[in-house]
Amino acid sequence: MVADATKNDSGSGSKIDYNTKHVYFYLPKVPAEDGEVADNIDLGAIFRLGGYCDLEQQAHKVPADEQHYYPQKHIESQGAGSDSVYQASAGSSTESSHGILMACDGHFLLKAAENMFVETGDHHLQVNGDYEHQTTGSVNVQSGDIMNLKSGTNKTLTLNAGDKTGNMELLANNKTETVQGNRTTTTSGDNSDTTSGNDSKITWGFTKKINGGVNWTAFIEGQLVTATWGLQVYGATLIKVYTTEAVLAGYRFQGTIKRTNMVGWDAGYFALSTQSHAAKVRTALTQMQNLTLQMNNAAVRVAAQEVQAEQGAVEALQGEVQANIRGLVTFI
């Protein structure tokens, strides 16, 4: 409607006030019960251009009605109960800022057949119910600063690439994962991990690995394993090939059912060796049977002056025995 230079108040609810530099169209809330009279504050629908209007100022006196006019984020940013809630509703300046207020107690429908462009400063979207975004084309979300995705307490956050028909790519400089509970990874195809730097894994619980195929592990520069105890069980065939092997054991127990050694060169050094034999028999009788002793151009000398034989007999069955020793002592 067209108003005069000062003020125009029509019965239709439209009002233009050039003193406060605003124009609005207002519909009060329809009473819920018969006989109830609208207070002209509670909102049905309002469209306001320019600075704040008197309806907003009156609604500020009733917090429940004020929440029908303004988003909760705006009330919190200006301070609940503060006059700046309605005074700054059009902008930072109550004298020169011009804003747009659209609010209603029903549906807000907006449709553009071609394009819709929205540009703003800070943007806050609060949805008190479910939020759904559908796009038939591609979706591109960019942020010049930090981007956060967060679900509710004990709620699930799902990233779905085409119901497991699409690919997912993650590009980052550093990646940190913190899983408070359990972690499960299922891969139907091949799994490939490449680490250019060091790889450190610490497990405080039990580690179980089951390989249904052949396990091949290559150590280019060596292997170092430390453990308090270990157990290896091979049910079929085990083949080990070592160019060089060094074993240092404080205590080593080895039980072998059947063992075949093919050694080209063997060198052993034992600082301490303890052997226990279940059965060991030695006779004190030294016998030489069918033995021919030949010595060519050699002298046989005995430097020790005493030859002792304990509980034994010396026999020569083919040859002569000469003794140049003066005394022969025999202990029986």
Protein backbone atom coordinates (compact mmCIF):
# COMPACT_ATOMS: atom_id res chain seq x y z
CA MET A 1 0.00 0.00 0.00
CA VAL A 2 1.06 3.61 -0.50
CA ALA A 3 1.46 5.68 2.65
CA ASP A 4 1.70 9.35 3.27
CA ALA A 5 4.91 11.05 4.28
CA THR A 6 4.37 10.27 7.94
CA LYS A 7 2.51 7.03 8.59
CA ASN A 8 -0.18 4.85 7.15
CA ASP A 9 -1.98 2.14 9.10
CA SER A 10 -4.57 0.24 7.13
CA GLY A 11 -6.99 -2.35 8.37
CA SER A 12 -5.40 -4.97 6.17
CA GLY A 13 -2.38 -5.17 8.41
CA SER A 14 0.14 -3.51 6.11
CA LYS A 15 2.05 -0.61 7.57
CA ILE A 16 4.67 1.78 6.32
CA ASP A 17 6.52 3.94 8.81
CA TYR A 18 9.08 6.29 7.33
CA ASN A 19 10.20 7.49 10.74
CA THR A 20 11.71 4.11 11.56
CA LYS A 21 12.41 3.33 7.91
CA HIS A 22 10.58 0.08 7.61
CA VAL A 23 7.62 -1.50 5.88
CA TYR A 24 5.99 -4.77 6.85
CA PHE A 25 3.02 -6.98 6.15
CA TYR A 26 1.76 -8.92 9.12
CA LEU A 27 -0.83 -11.64 9.77
CA PRO A 28 -1.54 -12.64 13.38
CA LYS A 29 -1.68 -16.20 14.56
CA VAL A 30 -5.06 -17.82 14.18
CA PRO A 31 -6.48 -18.66 17.64
CA ALA A 32 -6.34 -22.37 18.43
CA GLU A 33 -9.68 -22.38 20.24
CA ASP A 34 -12.99 -20.66 19.63
CA GLY A 35 -13.37 -17.46 21.59
CA GLU A 36 -9.60 -16.89 21.87
CA VAL A 37 -8.55 -13.43 20.68
CA ALA A 38 -5.24 -12.89 18.91
CA ASP A 39 -2.92 -10.51 20.78
CA ASN A 40 -1.44 -9.07 17.59
CA ILE A 41 1.97 -10.13 18.86
CA ASP A 42 2.08 -13.87 18.38
CA LEU A 43 3.12 -14.56 14.87
CA GLY A 44 1.19 -16.04 12.00
CA ALA A 45 3.35 -14.59 9.23
CA ILE A 46 5.36 -11.42 8.74
CA PHE A 47 7.38 -9.87 5.95
CA ARG A 48 9.37 -6.81 6.98
CA LEU A 49 11.78 -4.62 5.02
CA GLY A 50 14.05 -2.03 6.61
CA GLY A 51 14.59 -1.50 10.32
CA TYR A 52 12.79 -3.27 13.14
CA CYS A 53 9.09 -2.60 13.63
CA ASP A 54 6.86 -2.14 16.65
CA LEU A 55 5.60 -5.72 16.47
CA GLU A 56 9.11 -7.02 17.01
CA GLN A 57 9.57 -4.68 19.95
CA GLN A 58 6.33 -5.88 21.56
CA ALA A 59 7.15 -9.52 20.94
CA HIS A 60 10.48 -8.98 22.73
CA LYS A 61 8.52 -8.57 25.97
CA VAL A 62 7.23 -12.17 25.64
CA PRO A 63 10.18 -14.56 25.16
CA ALA A 64 7.95 -17.33 23.79
CA ASP A 65 6.61 -14.99 21.07
CA GLU A 66 10.05 -13.55 20.32
CA GLN A 67 11.29 -17.00 19.36
CA HIS A 68 8.64 -17.10 16.62
CA TYR A 69 10.14 -14.01 14.99
CA TYR A 70 13.87 -14.70 15.18
CA PRO A 71 16.10 -17.72 14.79
CA GLN A 72 17.51 -19.05 18.05
CA LYS A 73 21.07 -18.37 16.87
CA HIS A 74 20.31 -14.66 16.46
CA ILE A 75 18.84 -14.46 19.97
CA GLU A 76 21.88 -16.17 21.44
CA SER A 77 24.34 -14.00 19.50
CA GLN A 78 22.72 -10.78 20.75
CA GLY A 79 22.15 -12.08 24.26
CA ALA A 80 18.78 -13.43 25.36
CA GLY A 81 16.72 -10.71 27.06
CA SER A 82 18.79 -7.87 25.60
CA ASP A 83 17.11 -5.07 23.63
CA SER A 84 19.66 -5.59 20.88
CA VAL A 85 17.74 -8.74 19.92
CA TYR A 86 15.14 -6.66 18.07
CA GLN A 87 17.19 -3.47 17.61
CA ALA A 88 19.91 -5.32 15.70
CA SER A 89 17.49 -7.56 13.81
CA ALA A 90 17.98 -5.46 10.66
CA GLY A 91 21.73 -5.00 11.06
CA SER A 92 24.45 -3.65 13.29
CA SER A 93 23.13 -0.06 13.15
CA THR A 94 19.67 0.76 14.43
CA GLU A 95 19.75 4.03 12.45
CA SER A 96 20.91 3.04 9.01
CA SER A 97 20.80 -0.76 8.67
CA HIS A 98 18.11 -2.21 6.46
CA GLY A 99 17.22 -5.86 6.75
CA ILE A 100 14.66 -8.41 5.73
CA LEU A 101 12.58 -10.42 8.16
CA MET A 102 10.42 -13.28 6.97
CA ALA A 103 8.83 -15.60 9.49
CA CYS A 104 5.72 -17.73 9.68
CA ASP A 105 4.14 -20.53 11.70
CA GLY A 106 3.54 -22.69 8.62
CA HIS A 107 5.55 -23.75 5.59
CA PHE A 108 8.16 -21.62 3.89
CA LEU A 109 8.33 -22.63 0.22
CA LEU A 110 10.89 -21.24 -2.20
CA LYS A 111 11.33 -22.38 -5.77
CA ALA A 112 13.39 -21.08 -8.65
CA ALA A 113 13.03 -22.75 -12.03
CA GLU A 114 16.50 -21.72 -13.16
CA ASN A 115 19.15 -20.52 -10.73
CA MET A 116 19.27 -19.26 -7.16
CA PHE A 117 22.32 -17.38 -5.89
CA VAL A 118 22.80 -16.66 -2.21
CA GLU A 119 25.73 -14.63 -0.91
CA THR A 120 26.11 -13.68 2.71
CA GLY A 121 28.56 -13.06 5.48
CA ASP A 122 28.35 -15.52 8.34
CA HIS A 123 25.74 -18.18 7.74
CA HIS A 124 24.07 -20.32 10.35
CA LEU A 125 21.46 -22.93 9.53
CA GLN A 126 19.54 -24.57 12.34
CA VAL A 127 17.11 -27.37 11.61
CA ASN A 128 15.01 -28.49 14.56
CA GLY A 129 13.80 -31.56 12.70
CA ASP A 130 15.29 -33.77 10.00
CA TYR A 131 17.51 -32.23 7.31
CA GLU A 132 17.68 -33.73 3.83
CA HIS A 133 19.62 -32.50 0.84
CA GLN A 134 19.08 -34.06 -2.57
CA THR A 135 21.00 -33.17 -5.70
CA THR A 136 20.67 -34.80 -9.11
CA GLY A 137 24.05 -33.38 -10.14
CA SER A 138 27.40 -33.18 -8.40
CA VAL A 139 27.93 -31.61 -4.98
CA ASN A 140 31.00 -29.48 -4.28
CA VAL A 141 31.56 -28.21 -0.74
CA GLN A 142 34.62 -26.04 -0.15
CA SER A 143 35.91 -24.31 2.94
CA GLY A 144 38.73 -21.85 3.29
CA ASP A 145 39.15 -22.83 6.93
CA ILE A 146 38.43 -25.78 9.22
CA MET A 147 35.64 -28.17 8.22
CA ASN A 148 33.96 -30.39 10.82
CA LEU A 149 31.49 -33.25 10.42
CA LYS A 150 29.86 -34.35 13.66
CA SER A 151 26.94 -36.59 14.53
CA GLY A 152 24.97 -36.69 17.76
CA THR A 153 25.98 -38.53 20.92
CA ASN A 154 25.98 -42.30 20.33
CA LYS A 155 24.83 -41.70 16.74
CA THR A 156 26.32 -43.05 13.53
CA LEU A 157 28.20 -41.04 10.91
CA THR A 158 28.04 -42.78 7.52
CA LEU A 159 29.91 -42.03 4.32
CA ASN A 160 28.39 -44.02 1.48
CA ALA A 161 29.95 -44.15 -1.98
CA GLY A 162 27.15 -45.39 -4.20
CA ASP A 163 26.10 -48.23 -1.88
CA LYS A 164 29.59 -49.78 -2.18
CA THR A 165 29.65 -49.29 -5.97
CA GLY A 166 31.71 -46.08 -6.01
CA ASN A 167 35.22 -45.17 -4.96
CA MET A 168 36.35 -43.12 -2.00
CA GLU A 169 39.52 -41.04 -1.98
CA LEU A 170 41.15 -39.41 1.02
CA LEU A 171 43.92 -36.88 0.42
CA ALA A 172 45.64 -35.38 3.44
CA ASN A 173 49.02 -34.30 4.77
CA ASN A 174 48.75 -35.92 8.20
CA LYS A 175 46.04 -38.29 9.37
CA THR A 176 45.11 -39.07 12.96
CA GLU A 177 42.51 -41.65 13.95
CA THR A 178 41.20 -42.17 17.46
CA VAL A 179 38.79 -45.08 17.94
CA GLN A 180 37.33 -45.29 21.42
CA GLY A 181 35.81 -48.74 20.98
CA ASN A 182 36.37 -51.58 18.52
CA ARG A 183 37.58 -51.27 14.95
CA THR A 184 36.61 -53.65 12.13
CA THR A 185 37.87 -53.51 8.55
CA THR A 186 36.55 -55.87 5.87
CA THR A 187 38.18 -55.92 2.43
CA SER A 188 36.72 -58.15 -0.27
CA GLY A 189 39.53 -57.49 -2.75
CA ASP A 190 43.27 -56.97 -2.43
CA ASN A 191 44.79 -54.85 0.33
CA SER A 192 47.96 -52.85 -0.31
CA ASP A 193 49.75 -50.60 2.17
CA THR A 194 52.93 -48.68 1.32
CA THR A 195 54.90 -46.78 3.95
CA SER A 196 57.97 -44.79 2.95
CA GLY A 197 58.97 -44.02 6.53
CA ASN A 198 59.03 -46.03 9.73
CA ASP A 199 56.10 -48.22 10.74
CA SER A 200 55.35 -48.54 14.46
CA LYS A 201 52.58 -50.75 15.87
CA ILE A 202 51.94 -51.40 19.56
CA THR A 203 49.38 -53.98 20.65
CA TRP A 204 48.74 -54.56 24.34
CA GLY A 205 46.35 -57.44 23.77
CA PHE A 206 46.41 -60.74 21.90
CA THR A 207 47.38 -60.65 18.21
CA LYS A 208 45.88 -63.27 15.92
CA LYS A 209 46.60 -63.65 12.21
CA ILE A 210 45.17 -66.38 10.01
CA ASN A 211 46.46 -66.72 6.45
CA GLY A 212 44.49 -68.99 4.14
CA GLY A 213 47.12 -68.83 1.40
CA VAL A 214 50.90 -68.58 1.17
CA ASN A 215 52.61 -66.10 3.45
CA TRP A 216 55.71 -64.43 2.01
CA THR A 217 57.70 -61.96 4.05
CA ALA A 218 60.90 -60.29 2.84
CA PHE A 219 63.31 -58.36 5.07
CA ILE A 220 65.75 -56.41 2.93
CA GLU A 221 67.98 -55.03 5.67
CA GLY A 222 67.44 -57.51 8.49
CA GLN A 223 65.08 -58.61 11.20
CA LEU A 224 65.14 -58.15 14.96
CA VAL A 225 62.68 -60.04 17.15
CA THR A 226 62.55 -59.89 20.96
CA ALA A 227 60.06 -61.87 23.04
CA THR A 228 59.72 -63.31 26.54
CA TRP A 229 58.67 -66.65 25.05
CA GLY A 230 57.66 -68.03 21.68
CA LEU A 231 55.94 -71.01 20.08
CA GLN A 232 55.99 -72.02 16.43
CA VAL A 233 54.06 -75.05 15.17
CA TYR A 234 54.40 -76.19 11.55
CA GLY A 235 52.07 -79.03 10.61
CA ALA A 236 53.51 -79.84 7.19
CA THR A 237 56.80 -78.68 5.73
CA LEU A 238 59.18 -75.97 6.90
CA ILE A 239 62.15 -74.90 4.79
CA LYS A 240 64.64 -72.39 6.14
CA VAL A 241 67.51 -70.97 4.11
CA TYR A 242 70.03 -68.80 5.93
CA THR A 243 73.22 -67.38 4.44
CA THR A 244 74.48 -66.69 7.95
CA GLU A 245 72.76 -67.63 11.20
CA ALA A 246 73.84 -66.69 14.71
CA VAL A 247 71.94 -68.10 17.69
CA LEU A 248 72.47 -66.83 21.24
CA ALA A 249 70.25 -68.61 23.75
CA GLY A 250 70.29 -68.56 27.52
CA TYR A 251 68.43 -71.89 27.52
CA ARG A 252 67.37 -73.81 24.46
CA PHE A 253 65.25 -76.97 24.32
CA GLN A 254 64.86 -78.74 21.02
CA GLY A 255 62.89 -81.92 20.43
CA THR A 256 63.18 -83.51 17.01
CA ILE A 257 61.26 -86.53 15.79
CA LYS A 258 63.37 -86.98 12.68
CA ARG A 259 66.22 -84.81 11.52
CA THR A 260 68.45 -84.90 8.46
CA ASN A 261 71.44 -82.59 8.30
CA MET A 262 73.32 -81.77 5.12
CA VAL A 263 76.19 -79.57 6.17
CA GLY A 264 78.80 -78.27 3.75
CA TRP A 265 80.79 -76.47 6.42
CA ASP A 266 80.12 -76.36 10.12
CA ALA A 267 82.03 -74.39 12.75
CA GLY A 268 80.92 -74.46 16.34
CA TYR A 269 82.13 -72.59 19.40
CA PHE A 270 80.92 -73.59 22.82
CA ALA A 271 81.82 -71.61 25.92
CA LEU A 272 79.90 -74.02 28.11
CA SER A 273 78.53 -77.40 27.05
CA THR A 274 76.55 -79.77 29.24
CA GLN A 275 75.48 -83.16 27.93
CA SER A 276 73.42 -85.77 29.67
CA HIS A 277 73.16 -89.29 28.30
CA ALA A 278 70.55 -91.77 29.39
CA ALA A 279 72.80 -94.76 28.61
CA LYS A 280 76.57 -94.69 28.19
CA VAL A 281 78.86 -97.85 28.36
CA ARG A 282 82.62 -97.87 28.23
CA THR A 283 84.90 -100.87 28.88
CA ALA A 284 88.25 -100.49 30.52
CA LEU A 285 89.72 -103.11 28.21
CA THR A 286 91.67 -101.86 25.29
CA GLN A 287 91.94 -104.42 22.54
CA MET A 288 93.74 -104.46 19.25
CA GLN A 289 92.62 -107.24 16.95
CA ASN A 290 93.88 -107.98 13.46
CA LEU A 291 95.85 -104.80 13.48
CA THR A 292 99.13 -104.35 11.71
CA LEU A 293 101.27 -101.49 12.87
CA GLN A 294 103.86 -100.31 10.41
CA MET A 295 106.35 -97.55 11.02
CA ASN A 296 108.77 -96.62 8.25
CA ASN A 297 111.86 -94.63 9.06
CA ALA A 298 110.39 -93.40 12.29
CA ALA A 299 111.39 -93.65 15.90
CA VAL A 300 108.85 -94.28 18.54
CA ARG A 301 109.60 -92.65 21.81
CA VAL A 302 107.66 -92.57 25.02
CA ALA A 303 108.37 -89.45 27.02
CA ALA A 304 106.35 -90.56 29.95
CA GLN A 305 108.19 -93.00 32.17
CA GLU A 306 105.07 -94.80 33.32
CA VAL A 307 102.39 -96.64 31.43
CA GLN A 308 99.43 -97.61 33.52
CA ALA A 309 96.60 -99.96 32.70
CA GLU A 310 93.68 -100.11 35.11
CA GLN A 311 91.74 -103.34 35.09
CA GLY A 312 92.76 -104.05 31.58
CA ALA A 313 94.75 -106.28 29.36
CA VAL A 314 96.99 -105.42 26.45
CA GLU A 315 96.87 -107.92 23.64
CA ALA A 316 98.79 -108.08 20.40
CA LEU A 317 97.46 -110.62 17.99
CA GLN A 318 99.67 -110.12 14.98
CA GLY A 319 103.09 -108.86 15.71
CA GLU A 320 105.64 -108.47 18.38
CA VAL A 321 105.50 -106.21 21.39
CA GLN A 322 108.77 -104.84 22.67
CA ALA A 323 108.96 -102.71 25.75
CA ASN A 324 112.06 -100.79 26.70
CA ILE A 325 110.41 -99.52 29.82
CA ARG A 326 112.06 -100.66 32.97
CA GLY A 327 108.97 -100.83 35.10
CA LEU A 328 105.42 -101.92 34.32
CA VAL A 329 102.85 -101.10 36.98
CA THR A 330 99.47 -102.73 36.89
CA PHE A 331 96.56 -101.79 39.22
CA ILE A 332 93.97 -104.50 39.66
